[in-house]
Amino acid sequence: MKDDLEDLQNVGKIIAKKLKGIGIKGKSDFLKQDPYEIFNKLKKKDPSLCRCALASIVGAKEKKKWPEVRAKVSKKFEKRFPKTKFKDMC
């Protein structure tokens, strides 16, 4: 069975590489985890990540395109991780 991160909605080569950089090896590994926790780890490693990247991660878990979830997930993430700051409003 193929377990490629790039098989997930919204995940291309760059995001797949970032996910591997925090220890997520494949699609099944990703799907077992909370996407907000995943993004928090990614954001700590790369503070330049924006709300669109957050929406890509959550959308991958929910099987939705990132523009569909961006506003909702940004608010939820900021409530869960209030110390996290975004530099842009992508």
PDB file of N, CA and C in Angstrom:
ATOM      1  N   MET A   1       0.829  -1.183   0.000  1.00  0.00           N
ATOM      2  CA  MET A   1       0.000   0.000   0.000  1.00  0.00           C
ATOM      3  C   MET A   1       0.879   1.254   0.000  1.00  0.00           C
ATOM      4  N   LYS A   2       0.545   2.200  -0.842  1.00  0.00           N
ATOM      5  CA  LYS A   2       1.291   3.444  -0.945  1.00  0.00           C
ATOM      6  C   LYS A   2       0.949   4.343   0.241  1.00  0.00           C
ATOM      7  N   ASP A   3       1.979   4.926   0.850  1.00  0.00           N
ATOM      8  CA  ASP A   3       1.796   5.752   2.038  1.00  0.00           C
ATOM      9  C   ASP A   3       2.474   7.112   1.852  1.00  0.00           C
ATOM     10  N   ASP A   4       2.287   7.700   0.693  1.00  0.00           N
ATOM     11  CA  ASP A   4       2.967   8.930   0.326  1.00  0.00           C
ATOM     12  C   ASP A   4       2.227  10.157   0.860  1.00  0.00           C
ATOM     13  N   LEU A   5       2.943  11.043   1.536  1.00  0.00           N
ATOM     14  CA  LEU A   5       2.337  12.271   2.053  1.00  0.00           C
ATOM     15  C   LEU A   5       1.699  13.106   0.950  1.00  0.00           C
ATOM     16  N   GLU A   6       2.282  13.070  -0.239  1.00  0.00           N
ATOM     17  CA  GLU A   6       1.758  13.877  -1.335  1.00  0.00           C
ATOM     18  C   GLU A   6       0.425  13.359  -1.880  1.00  0.00           C
ATOM     19  N   ASP A   7      -0.024  12.221  -1.392  1.00  0.00           N
ATOM     20  CA  ASP A   7      -1.352  11.733  -1.760  1.00  0.00           C
ATOM     21  C   ASP A   7      -2.449  12.459  -0.972  1.00  0.00           C
ATOM     22  N   LEU A   8      -2.068  13.192   0.055  1.00  0.00           N
ATOM     23  CA  LEU A   8      -3.024  13.956   0.850  1.00  0.00           C
ATOM     24  C   LEU A   8      -3.434  15.233   0.114  1.00  0.00           C
ATOM     25  N   GLN A   9      -4.683  15.633   0.275  1.00  0.00           N
ATOM     26  CA  GLN A   9      -5.186  16.907  -0.244  1.00  0.00           C
ATOM     27  C   GLN A   9      -4.272  18.029   0.239  1.00  0.00           C
ATOM     28  N   ASN A  10      -3.912  18.962  -0.620  1.00  0.00           N
ATOM     29  CA  ASN A  10      -3.132  20.164  -0.288  1.00  0.00           C
ATOM     30  C   ASN A  10      -1.657  19.935  -0.004  1.00  0.00           C
ATOM     31  N   VAL A  11      -1.167  18.708  -0.046  1.00  0.00           N
ATOM     32  CA  VAL A  11       0.229  18.442   0.305  1.00  0.00           C
ATOM     33  C   VAL A  11       1.044  18.192  -0.958  1.00  0.00           C
ATOM     34  N   GLY A  12       1.978  19.100  -1.181  1.00  0.00           N
ATOM     35  CA  GLY A  12       2.911  18.965  -2.292  1.00  0.00           C
ATOM     36  C   GLY A  12       4.298  18.643  -1.756  1.00  0.00           C
ATOM     37  N   LYS A  13       5.284  18.783  -2.600  1.00  0.00           N
ATOM     38  CA  LYS A  13       6.654  18.426  -2.222  1.00  0.00           C
ATOM     39  C   LYS A  13       7.179  19.244  -1.046  1.00  0.00           C
ATOM     40  N   ILE A  14       6.891  20.534  -1.035  1.00  0.00           N
ATOM     41  CA  ILE A  14       7.431  21.396   0.021  1.00  0.00           C
ATOM     42  C   ILE A  14       6.827  21.050   1.378  1.00  0.00           C
ATOM     43  N   ILE A  15       5.505  20.940   1.439  1.00  0.00           N
ATOM     44  CA  ILE A  15       4.871  20.602   2.719  1.00  0.00           C
ATOM     45  C   ILE A  15       5.258  19.189   3.148  1.00  0.00           C
ATOM     46  N   ALA A  16       5.333  18.264   2.207  1.00  0.00           N
ATOM     47  CA  ALA A  16       5.743  16.896   2.542  1.00  0.00           C
ATOM     48  C   ALA A  16       7.136  16.901   3.169  1.00  0.00           C
ATOM     49  N   LYS A  17       8.035  17.693   2.618  1.00  0.00           N
ATOM     50  CA  LYS A  17       9.400  17.777   3.162  1.00  0.00           C
ATOM     51  C   LYS A  17       9.376  18.351   4.578  1.00  0.00           C
ATOM     52  N   LYS A  18       8.556  19.376   4.797  1.00  0.00           N
ATOM     53  CA  LYS A  18       8.448  19.966   6.134  1.00  0.00           C
ATOM     54  C   LYS A  18       7.870  18.960   7.130  1.00  0.00           C
ATOM     55  N   LEU A  19       6.865  18.200   6.693  1.00  0.00           N
ATOM     56  CA  LEU A  19       6.280  17.179   7.569  1.00  0.00           C
ATOM     57  C   LEU A  19       7.309  16.116   7.929  1.00  0.00           C
ATOM     58  N   LYS A  20       8.079  15.686   6.967  1.00  0.00           N
ATOM     59  CA  LYS A  20       9.134  14.697   7.238  1.00  0.00           C
ATOM     60  C   LYS A  20      10.165  15.266   8.205  1.00  0.00           C
ATOM     61  N   GLY A  21      10.385  16.581   8.123  1.00  0.00           N
ATOM     62  CA  GLY A  21      11.330  17.246   9.016  1.00  0.00           C
ATOM     63  C   GLY A  21      10.916  17.244  10.476  1.00  0.00           C
ATOM     64  N   ILE A  22       9.641  17.008  10.753  1.00  0.00           N
ATOM     65  CA  ILE A  22       9.176  16.896  12.144  1.00  0.00           C
ATOM     66  C   ILE A  22       8.803  15.452  12.486  1.00  0.00           C
ATOM     67  N   GLY A  23       9.248  14.526  11.655  1.00  0.00           N
ATOM     68  CA  GLY A  23       9.088  13.111  11.980  1.00  0.00           C
ATOM     69  C   GLY A  23       7.866  12.418  11.426  1.00  0.00           C
ATOM     70  N   ILE A  24       7.110  13.079  10.576  1.00  0.00           N
ATOM     71  CA  ILE A  24       5.932  12.434   9.981  1.00  0.00           C
ATOM     72  C   ILE A  24       6.384  11.777   8.681  1.00  0.00           C
ATOM     73  N   LYS A  25       6.369  10.479   8.666  1.00  0.00           N
ATOM     74  CA  LYS A  25       6.965   9.715   7.573  1.00  0.00           C
ATOM     75  C   LYS A  25       6.028   9.432   6.404  1.00  0.00           C
ATOM     76  N   GLY A  26       4.732   9.323   6.675  1.00  0.00           N
ATOM     77  CA  GLY A  26       3.803   8.960   5.608  1.00  0.00           C
ATOM     78  C   GLY A  26       2.383   9.405   5.915  1.00  0.00           C
ATOM     79  N   LYS A  27       1.529   9.152   4.954  1.00  0.00           N
ATOM     80  CA  LYS A  27       0.120   9.540   5.037  1.00  0.00           C
ATOM     81  C   LYS A  27      -0.554   8.946   6.275  1.00  0.00           C
ATOM     82  N   SER A  28      -0.325   7.675   6.533  1.00  0.00           N
ATOM     83  CA  SER A  28      -0.976   7.037   7.690  1.00  0.00           C
ATOM     84  C   SER A  28      -0.498   7.653   9.000  1.00  0.00           C
ATOM     85  N   ASP A  29       0.776   7.996   9.074  1.00  0.00           N
ATOM     86  CA  ASP A  29       1.335   8.650  10.259  1.00  0.00           C
ATOM     87  C   ASP A  29       0.675  10.017  10.458  1.00  0.00           C
ATOM     88  N   PHE A  30       0.531  10.775   9.381  1.00  0.00           N
ATOM     89  CA  PHE A  30      -0.103  12.088   9.426  1.00  0.00           C
ATOM     90  C   PHE A  30      -1.550  11.977   9.917  1.00  0.00           C
ATOM     91  N   LEU A  31      -2.299  11.047   9.359  1.00  0.00           N
ATOM     92  CA  LEU A  31      -3.731  10.937   9.666  1.00  0.00           C
ATOM     93  C   LEU A  31      -4.013  10.521  11.108  1.00  0.00           C
ATOM     94  N   LYS A  32      -3.033   9.966  11.800  1.00  0.00           N
ATOM     95  CA  LYS A  32      -3.198   9.568  13.200  1.00  0.00           C
ATOM     96  C   LYS A  32      -3.077  10.755  14.156  1.00  0.00           C
ATOM     97  N   GLN A  33      -2.592  11.878  13.654  1.00  0.00           N
ATOM     98  CA  GLN A  33      -2.261  12.997  14.530  1.00  0.00           C
ATOM     99  C   GLN A  33      -3.223  14.180  14.365  1.00  0.00           C
ATOM    100  N   ASP A  34      -3.240  15.023  15.386  1.00  0.00           N
ATOM    101  CA  ASP A  34      -4.043  16.246  15.387  1.00  0.00           C
ATOM    102  C   ASP A  34      -3.369  17.250  14.449  1.00  0.00           C
ATOM    103  N   PRO A  35      -4.077  17.739  13.424  1.00  0.00           N
ATOM    104  CA  PRO A  35      -3.442  18.649  12.473  1.00  0.00           C
ATOM    105  C   PRO A  35      -3.012  19.983  13.099  1.00  0.00           C
ATOM    106  N   TYR A  36      -3.688  20.404  14.153  1.00  0.00           N
ATOM    107  CA  TYR A  36      -3.309  21.643  14.831  1.00  0.00           C
ATOM    108  C   TYR A  36      -1.993  21.462  15.586  1.00  0.00           C
ATOM    109  N   GLU A  37      -1.818  20.304  16.191  1.00  0.00           N
ATOM    110  CA  GLU A  37      -0.553  19.999  16.861  1.00  0.00           C
ATOM    111  C   GLU A  37       0.570  19.882  15.825  1.00  0.00           C
ATOM    112  N   ILE A  38       0.262  19.258  14.703  1.00  0.00           N
ATOM    113  CA  ILE A  38       1.251  19.147  13.624  1.00  0.00           C
ATOM    114  C   ILE A  38       1.686  20.538  13.181  1.00  0.00           C
ATOM    115  N   PHE A  39       0.727  21.407  12.926  1.00  0.00           N
ATOM    116  CA  PHE A  39       1.083  22.747  12.467  1.00  0.00           C
ATOM    117  C   PHE A  39       1.846  23.509  13.533  1.00  0.00           C
ATOM    118  N   ASN A  40       1.500  23.341  14.790  1.00  0.00           N
ATOM    119  CA  ASN A  40       2.227  24.018  15.861  1.00  0.00           C
ATOM    120  C   ASN A  40       3.702  23.604  15.843  1.00  0.00           C
ATOM    121  N   LYS A  41       3.959  22.324  15.643  1.00  0.00           N
ATOM    122  CA  LYS A  41       5.353  21.848  15.537  1.00  0.00           C
ATOM    123  C   LYS A  41       6.037  22.457  14.318  1.00  0.00           C
ATOM    124  N   LEU A  42       5.335  22.488  13.205  1.00  0.00           N
ATOM    125  CA  LEU A  42       5.900  23.083  11.985  1.00  0.00           C
ATOM    126  C   LEU A  42       6.200  24.565  12.193  1.00  0.00           C
ATOM    127  N   LYS A  43       5.298  25.277  12.827  1.00  0.00           N
ATOM    128  CA  LYS A  43       5.439  26.719  13.047  1.00  0.00           C
ATOM    129  C   LYS A  43       6.623  27.015  13.965  1.00  0.00           C
ATOM    130  N   LYS A  44       6.836  26.165  14.959  1.00  0.00           N
ATOM    131  CA  LYS A  44       7.994  26.346  15.845  1.00  0.00           C
ATOM    132  C   LYS A  44       9.297  26.186  15.069  1.00  0.00           C
ATOM    133  N   LYS A  45       9.297  25.265  14.137  1.00  0.00           N
ATOM    134  CA  LYS A  45      10.498  25.014  13.332  1.00  0.00           C
ATOM    135  C   LYS A  45      10.669  26.075  12.241  1.00  0.00           C
ATOM    136  N   ASP A  46       9.561  26.593  11.715  1.00  0.00           N
ATOM    137  CA  ASP A  46       9.592  27.592  10.653  1.00  0.00           C
ATOM    138  C   ASP A  46       8.560  28.683  10.962  1.00  0.00           C
ATOM    139  N   PRO A  47       8.954  29.720  11.734  1.00  0.00           N
ATOM    140  CA  PRO A  47       8.016  30.774  12.137  1.00  0.00           C
ATOM    141  C   PRO A  47       7.412  31.565  10.978  1.00  0.00           C
ATOM    142  N   SER A  48       7.947  31.432   9.794  1.00  0.00           N
ATOM    143  CA  SER A  48       7.413  32.184   8.657  1.00  0.00           C
ATOM    144  C   SER A  48       6.149  31.564   8.069  1.00  0.00           C
ATOM    145  N   LEU A  49       5.760  30.377   8.522  1.00  0.00           N
ATOM    146  CA  LEU A  49       4.563  29.728   7.978  1.00  0.00           C
ATOM    147  C   LEU A  49       3.325  30.590   8.227  1.00  0.00           C
ATOM    148  N   CYS A  50       2.447  30.601   7.246  1.00  0.00           N
ATOM    149  CA  CYS A  50       1.271  31.474   7.280  1.00  0.00           C
ATOM    150  C   CYS A  50      -0.022  30.682   7.520  1.00  0.00           C
ATOM    151  N   ARG A  51      -1.105  31.412   7.556  1.00  0.00           N
ATOM    152  CA  ARG A  51      -2.425  30.796   7.735  1.00  0.00           C
ATOM    153  C   ARG A  51      -2.789  29.845   6.598  1.00  0.00           C
ATOM    154  N   CYS A  52      -2.287  30.119   5.419  1.00  0.00           N
ATOM    155  CA  CYS A  52      -2.564  29.228   4.281  1.00  0.00           C
ATOM    156  C   CYS A  52      -1.915  27.860   4.497  1.00  0.00           C
ATOM    157  N   ALA A  53      -0.722  27.866   5.075  1.00  0.00           N
ATOM    158  CA  ALA A  53      -0.054  26.597   5.382  1.00  0.00           C
ATOM    159  C   ALA A  53      -0.854  25.841   6.444  1.00  0.00           C
ATOM    160  N   LEU A  54      -1.339  26.569   7.445  1.00  0.00           N
ATOM    161  CA  LEU A  54      -2.205  25.961   8.462  1.00  0.00           C
ATOM    162  C   LEU A  54      -3.421  25.331   7.809  1.00  0.00           C
ATOM    163  N   ALA A  55      -4.079  26.073   6.930  1.00  0.00           N
ATOM    164  CA  ALA A  55      -5.274  25.574   6.258  1.00  0.00           C
ATOM    165  C   ALA A  55      -4.952  24.361   5.385  1.00  0.00           C
ATOM    166  N   SER A  56      -3.769  24.345   4.814  1.00  0.00           N
ATOM    167  CA  SER A  56      -3.355  23.183   4.010  1.00  0.00           C
ATOM    168  C   SER A  56      -3.255  21.933   4.869  1.00  0.00           C
ATOM    169  N   ILE A  57      -2.676  22.081   6.052  1.00  0.00           N
ATOM    170  CA  ILE A  57      -2.501  20.936   6.956  1.00  0.00           C
ATOM    171  C   ILE A  57      -3.860  20.442   7.463  1.00  0.00           C
ATOM    172  N   VAL A  58      -4.686  21.350   7.945  1.00  0.00           N
ATOM    173  CA  VAL A  58      -6.002  20.941   8.459  1.00  0.00           C
ATOM    174  C   VAL A  58      -6.865  20.406   7.314  1.00  0.00           C
ATOM    175  N   GLY A  59      -6.816  21.066   6.178  1.00  0.00           N
ATOM    176  CA  GLY A  59      -7.568  20.598   5.014  1.00  0.00           C
ATOM    177  C   GLY A  59      -7.144  19.210   4.575  1.00  0.00           C
ATOM    178  N   ALA A  60      -5.863  18.911   4.697  1.00  0.00           N
ATOM    179  CA  ALA A  60      -5.377  17.572   4.345  1.00  0.00           C
ATOM    180  C   ALA A  60      -6.024  16.521   5.240  1.00  0.00           C
ATOM    181  N   LYS A  61      -6.152  16.839   6.503  1.00  0.00           N
ATOM    182  CA  LYS A  61      -6.786  15.904   7.448  1.00  0.00           C
ATOM    183  C   LYS A  61      -8.284  15.769   7.169  1.00  0.00           C
ATOM    184  N   GLU A  62      -8.936  16.894   6.847  1.00  0.00           N
ATOM    185  CA  GLU A  62     -10.386  16.900   6.633  1.00  0.00           C
ATOM    186  C   GLU A  62     -10.781  16.597   5.185  1.00  0.00           C
ATOM    187  N   LYS A  63      -9.795  16.395   4.324  1.00  0.00           N
ATOM    188  CA  LYS A  63     -10.025  16.130   2.897  1.00  0.00           C
ATOM    189  C   LYS A  63     -10.792  17.275   2.239  1.00  0.00           C
ATOM    190  N   LYS A  64     -10.352  18.500   2.553  1.00  0.00           N
ATOM    191  CA  LYS A  64     -10.955  19.701   1.976  1.00  0.00           C
ATOM    192  C   LYS A  64      -9.848  20.584   1.415  1.00  0.00           C
ATOM    193  N   LYS A  65     -10.183  21.367   0.413  1.00  0.00           N
ATOM    194  CA  LYS A  65      -9.221  22.313  -0.142  1.00  0.00           C
ATOM    195  C   LYS A  65      -8.977  23.428   0.872  1.00  0.00           C
ATOM    196  N   TRP A  66      -7.722  23.874   0.930  1.00  0.00           N
ATOM    197  CA  TRP A  66      -7.366  24.845   1.973  1.00  0.00           C
ATOM    198  C   TRP A  66      -8.178  26.136   1.959  1.00  0.00           C
ATOM    199  N   PRO A  67      -8.584  26.706   0.809  1.00  0.00           N
ATOM    200  CA  PRO A  67      -9.369  27.948   0.884  1.00  0.00           C
ATOM    201  C   PRO A  67     -10.722  27.767   1.578  1.00  0.00           C
ATOM    202  N   GLU A  68     -11.243  26.544   1.543  1.00  0.00           N
ATOM    203  CA  GLU A  68     -12.542  26.265   2.169  1.00  0.00           C
ATOM    204  C   GLU A  68     -12.480  26.336   3.688  1.00  0.00           C
ATOM    205  N   VAL A  69     -11.317  26.093   4.265  1.00  0.00           N
ATOM    206  CA  VAL A  69     -11.205  25.986   5.721  1.00  0.00           C
ATOM    207  C   VAL A  69     -10.368  27.092   6.363  1.00  0.00           C
ATOM    208  N   ARG A  70      -9.750  27.941   5.556  1.00  0.00           N
ATOM    209  CA  ARG A  70      -8.770  28.911   6.078  1.00  0.00           C
ATOM    210  C   ARG A  70      -9.299  29.769   7.220  1.00  0.00           C
ATOM    211  N   ALA A  71     -10.417  30.431   7.066  1.00  0.00           N
ATOM    212  CA  ALA A  71     -10.922  31.337   8.111  1.00  0.00           C
ATOM    213  C   ALA A  71     -11.240  30.575   9.399  1.00  0.00           C
ATOM    214  N   LYS A  72     -11.914  29.455   9.271  1.00  0.00           N
ATOM    215  CA  LYS A  72     -12.316  28.661  10.445  1.00  0.00           C
ATOM    216  C   LYS A  72     -11.100  28.152  11.211  1.00  0.00           C
ATOM    217  N   VAL A  73     -10.127  27.607  10.492  1.00  0.00           N
ATOM    218  CA  VAL A  73      -8.992  26.984  11.175  1.00  0.00           C
ATOM    219  C   VAL A  73      -8.065  28.012  11.797  1.00  0.00           C
ATOM    220  N   SER A  74      -7.963  29.189  11.206  1.00  0.00           N
ATOM    221  CA  SER A  74      -7.120  30.242  11.774  1.00  0.00           C
ATOM    222  C   SER A  74      -7.623  30.632  13.155  1.00  0.00           C
ATOM    223  N   LYS A  75      -8.917  30.837  13.274  1.00  0.00           N
ATOM    224  CA  LYS A  75      -9.508  31.213  14.565  1.00  0.00           C
ATOM    225  C   LYS A  75      -9.323  30.107  15.601  1.00  0.00           C
ATOM    226  N   LYS A  76      -9.553  28.878  15.192  1.00  0.00           N
ATOM    227  CA  LYS A  76      -9.414  27.752  16.111  1.00  0.00           C
ATOM    228  C   LYS A  76      -7.962  27.601  16.574  1.00  0.00           C
ATOM    229  N   PHE A  77      -7.015  27.740  15.634  1.00  0.00           N
ATOM    230  CA  PHE A  77      -5.603  27.620  15.989  1.00  0.00           C
ATOM    231  C   PHE A  77      -5.197  28.719  16.971  1.00  0.00           C
ATOM    232  N   GLU A  78      -5.622  29.945  16.711  1.00  0.00           N
ATOM    233  CA  GLU A  78      -5.255  31.060  17.577  1.00  0.00           C
ATOM    234  C   GLU A  78      -5.834  30.914  18.981  1.00  0.00           C
ATOM    235  N   LYS A  79      -6.990  30.276  19.109  1.00  0.00           N
ATOM    236  CA  LYS A  79      -7.545  30.006  20.440  1.00  0.00           C
ATOM    237  C   LYS A  79      -6.723  28.943  21.165  1.00  0.00           C
ATOM    238  N   ARG A  80      -6.316  27.906  20.437  1.00  0.00           N
ATOM    239  CA  ARG A  80      -5.551  26.820  21.054  1.00  0.00           C
ATOM    240  C   ARG A  80      -4.113  27.210  21.348  1.00  0.00           C
ATOM    241  N   PHE A  81      -3.541  28.069  20.515  1.00  0.00           N
ATOM    242  CA  PHE A  81      -2.140  28.463  20.635  1.00  0.00           C
ATOM    243  C   PHE A  81      -2.046  29.992  20.601  1.00  0.00           C
ATOM    244  N   PRO A  82      -2.534  30.669  21.649  1.00  0.00           N
ATOM    245  CA  PRO A  82      -2.646  32.133  21.619  1.00  0.00           C
ATOM    246  C   PRO A  82      -1.312  32.876  21.503  1.00  0.00           C
ATOM    247  N   LYS A  83      -0.218  32.246  21.833  1.00  0.00           N
ATOM    248  CA  LYS A  83       1.082  32.921  21.743  1.00  0.00           C
ATOM    249  C   LYS A  83       1.648  32.930  20.324  1.00  0.00           C
ATOM    250  N   THR A  84       1.050  32.151  19.450  1.00  0.00           N
ATOM    251  CA  THR A  84       1.526  32.072  18.074  1.00  0.00           C
ATOM    252  C   THR A  84       1.083  33.303  17.302  1.00  0.00           C
ATOM    253  N   LYS A  85       2.012  33.883  16.592  1.00  0.00           N
ATOM    254  CA  LYS A  85       1.708  35.071  15.792  1.00  0.00           C
ATOM    255  C   LYS A  85       1.928  34.760  14.311  1.00  0.00           C
ATOM    256  N   PHE A  86       1.053  35.283  13.483  1.00  0.00           N
ATOM    257  CA  PHE A  86       1.190  35.183  12.033  1.00  0.00           C
ATOM    258  C   PHE A  86       1.613  36.550  11.508  1.00  0.00           C
ATOM    259  N   LYS A  87       2.533  36.548  10.564  1.00  0.00           N
ATOM    260  CA  LYS A  87       3.032  37.804   9.999  1.00  0.00           C
ATOM    261  C   LYS A  87       2.160  38.311   8.862  1.00  0.00           C
ATOM    262  N   ASP A  88       1.374  37.453   8.276  1.00  0.00           N
ATOM    263  CA  ASP A  88       0.603  37.864   7.105  1.00  0.00           C
ATOM    264  C   ASP A  88      -0.841  37.407   7.220  1.00  0.00           C
ATOM    265  N   MET A  89      -1.618  37.822   6.264  1.00  0.00           N
ATOM    266  CA  MET A  89      -3.029  37.452   6.229  1.00  0.00           C
ATOM    267  C   MET A  89      -3.354  36.721   4.923  1.00  0.00           C
ATOM    268  N   CYS A  90      -2.482  35.862   4.479  1.00  0.00           N
ATOM    269  CA  CYS A  90      -2.632  35.197   3.176  1.00  0.00           C
ATOM    270  C   CYS A  90      -4.042  34.798   2.823  1.00  0.00           C
TER     271      CYS A  90
END
